Amino acid sequence: MRVLENIISDRGSKYAVAGAPCRSEAEAKALVKELCRRKKFAKATHNTWALLTAEAPVKNDDGESGAGMVILRMLEREGVTDHLVVVTRWFGGKHLGGDRFRHVQEAVRIYLAEAGLGSAQETGQGEA
């Protein structure tokens, strides 16, 4: 599983993003469980995730209401199937309001670009 830590920080909250090829909800749950074997991720406030498969889209908000749907919409828009994306948040003590969704989107964008998935690889990000 590819893990990108400390990618976003806002008002004390910190974000990470992770992902791996995945073909089913059961496999996704196993991968999230594996990620949470790392003490740092087990202590996270939220490990939200989504997966787009041929059978059906699957998501889990893990208490961050609506975050799973944000990830799922981005996977659909980018045409990324059979790949789990997990956005992790460690709550910093201050509510972020709608900014939390912007951070989830940015985390997914960063992951897709790093993994070379979706249209993020075609936008020429990082070129001068």
Protein backbone atom coordinates (compact mmCIF):
# COMPACT_ATOMS: atom_id res chain seq x y z
CA MET A 1 0.00 0.00 0.00
CA ARG A 2 1.34 3.41 -1.02
CA VAL A 3 1.16 5.87 1.92
CA LEU A 4 1.80 9.63 1.70
CA GLU A 5 1.99 11.15 5.17
CA ASN A 6 1.74 14.76 6.36
CA ILE A 7 0.49 16.08 3.03
CA ILE A 8 -1.90 18.73 4.40
CA SER A 9 -1.99 20.62 7.68
CA ASP A 10 -4.70 23.11 8.68
CA ARG A 11 -5.51 24.53 12.12
CA GLY A 12 -3.85 21.60 13.83
CA SER A 13 -5.51 18.89 11.74
CA LYS A 14 -3.12 16.76 9.72
CA TYR A 15 -3.90 14.62 6.68
CA ALA A 16 -2.38 11.60 4.98
CA VAL A 17 -3.53 9.60 1.97
CA ALA A 18 -2.97 5.97 1.06
CA GLY A 19 -4.12 3.54 -1.58
CA ALA A 20 -3.65 0.26 -3.34
CA PRO A 21 -5.11 -1.83 -6.15
CA CYS A 22 -8.29 -3.44 -4.82
CA ARG A 23 -11.19 -5.36 -6.35
CA SER A 24 -13.80 -5.80 -3.59
CA GLU A 25 -15.27 -4.35 -0.43
CA ALA A 26 -13.83 -7.25 1.59
CA GLU A 27 -10.37 -6.59 0.19
CA ALA A 28 -10.78 -2.85 0.90
CA LYS A 29 -11.67 -3.53 4.53
CA ALA A 30 -8.65 -5.83 4.85
CA LEU A 31 -6.36 -3.13 3.39
CA VAL A 32 -7.74 -0.48 5.77
CA LYS A 33 -7.28 -2.90 8.66
CA GLU A 34 -3.68 -3.45 7.54
CA LEU A 35 -3.11 0.34 7.36
CA CYS A 36 -4.47 0.66 10.91
CA ARG A 37 -1.88 -1.84 12.15
CA ARG A 38 0.43 1.15 12.02
CA LYS A 39 -0.01 2.76 15.42
CA LYS A 40 -0.18 6.26 13.95
CA PHE A 41 -3.09 5.36 11.65
CA ALA A 42 -4.88 3.36 14.34
CA LYS A 43 -4.91 6.53 16.47
CA ALA A 44 -6.26 8.72 13.63
CA THR A 45 -9.61 10.43 14.10
CA HIS A 46 -10.87 9.32 10.66
CA ASN A 47 -9.76 6.83 8.03
CA THR A 48 -12.28 7.54 5.25
CA TRP A 49 -12.13 5.53 2.05
CA ALA A 50 -13.77 4.72 -1.25
CA LEU A 51 -13.47 2.15 -4.01
CA LEU A 52 -15.07 2.02 -7.45
CA THR A 53 -15.53 -1.55 -8.70
CA ALA A 54 -17.42 -3.12 -11.60
CA GLU A 55 -20.04 -4.44 -9.15
CA ALA A 56 -20.72 -1.26 -7.19
CA PRO A 57 -19.13 1.78 -5.61
CA VAL A 58 -18.17 1.32 -1.96
CA LYS A 59 -17.36 4.00 0.62
CA ASN A 60 -16.88 4.48 4.34
CA ASP A 61 -16.94 7.86 6.11
CA ASP A 62 -15.48 6.59 9.42
CA GLY A 63 -17.22 9.45 11.24
CA GLU A 64 -16.20 12.19 8.76
CA SER A 65 -19.69 12.59 7.33
CA GLY A 66 -19.69 12.92 3.54
CA ALA A 67 -15.94 12.38 3.07
CA GLY A 68 -16.32 8.92 1.53
CA MET A 69 -18.64 10.35 -1.11
CA VAL A 70 -16.10 13.08 -1.94
CA ILE A 71 -13.43 10.41 -2.55
CA LEU A 72 -15.86 8.29 -4.58
CA ARG A 73 -16.89 11.22 -6.80
CA MET A 74 -13.24 11.99 -7.52
CA LEU A 75 -12.54 8.35 -8.45
CA GLU A 76 -15.58 8.39 -10.77
CA ARG A 77 -14.56 11.70 -12.36
CA GLU A 78 -10.99 10.45 -12.93
CA GLY A 79 -12.14 7.04 -14.18
CA VAL A 80 -10.13 5.20 -11.52
CA THR A 81 -11.54 1.73 -10.87
CA ASP A 82 -10.36 -1.17 -8.73
CA HIS A 83 -8.15 1.10 -6.62
CA LEU A 84 -8.79 1.88 -2.96
CA VAL A 85 -8.06 5.41 -1.73
CA VAL A 86 -7.96 6.17 2.02
CA VAL A 87 -7.80 9.72 3.37
CA THR A 88 -6.71 9.89 7.01
CA ARG A 89 -7.27 12.85 9.33
CA TRP A 90 -5.91 13.54 12.77
CA PHE A 91 -8.21 16.16 14.32
CA GLY A 92 -6.32 19.20 15.57
CA GLY A 93 -8.91 20.63 17.95
CA LYS A 94 -10.55 23.19 15.64
CA HIS A 95 -13.48 22.46 13.36
CA LEU A 96 -12.66 23.06 9.71
CA GLY A 97 -16.21 23.32 8.36
CA GLY A 98 -16.38 22.93 4.59
CA ASP A 99 -12.59 23.19 4.30
CA ARG A 100 -12.39 19.54 5.38
CA PHE A 101 -13.94 18.50 2.04
CA ARG A 102 -11.49 20.68 0.13
CA HIS A 103 -8.66 18.93 2.00
CA VAL A 104 -10.07 15.48 1.22
CA GLN A 105 -10.24 16.43 -2.47
CA GLU A 106 -6.69 17.77 -2.43
CA ALA A 107 -5.44 14.61 -0.69
CA VAL A 108 -7.04 12.42 -3.37
CA ARG A 109 -5.60 14.67 -6.11
CA ILE A 110 -2.12 14.33 -4.60
CA TYR A 111 -2.46 10.56 -4.36
CA LEU A 112 -3.72 10.10 -7.93
CA ALA A 113 -0.90 12.27 -9.30
CA GLU A 114 1.72 10.43 -7.24
CA ALA A 115 0.35 7.03 -8.30
CA GLY A 116 -0.03 8.07 -11.95
CA LEU A 117 -3.77 7.36 -11.97
CA GLY A 118 -6.62 9.18 -13.70
CA SER A 119 -6.28 12.41 -15.62
CA ALA A 120 -3.95 13.83 -12.92
CA GLN A 121 -1.09 12.18 -14.82
CA GLU A 122 -2.10 13.95 -18.04
CA THR A 123 -2.30 17.54 -16.72
CA GLY A 124 1.42 18.09 -16.70
CA GLN A 125 1.49 18.76 -12.97
CA GLY A 126 4.95 19.56 -11.75
CA GLU A 127 6.19 20.81 -15.13
CA ALA A 128 7.59 24.32 -15.44
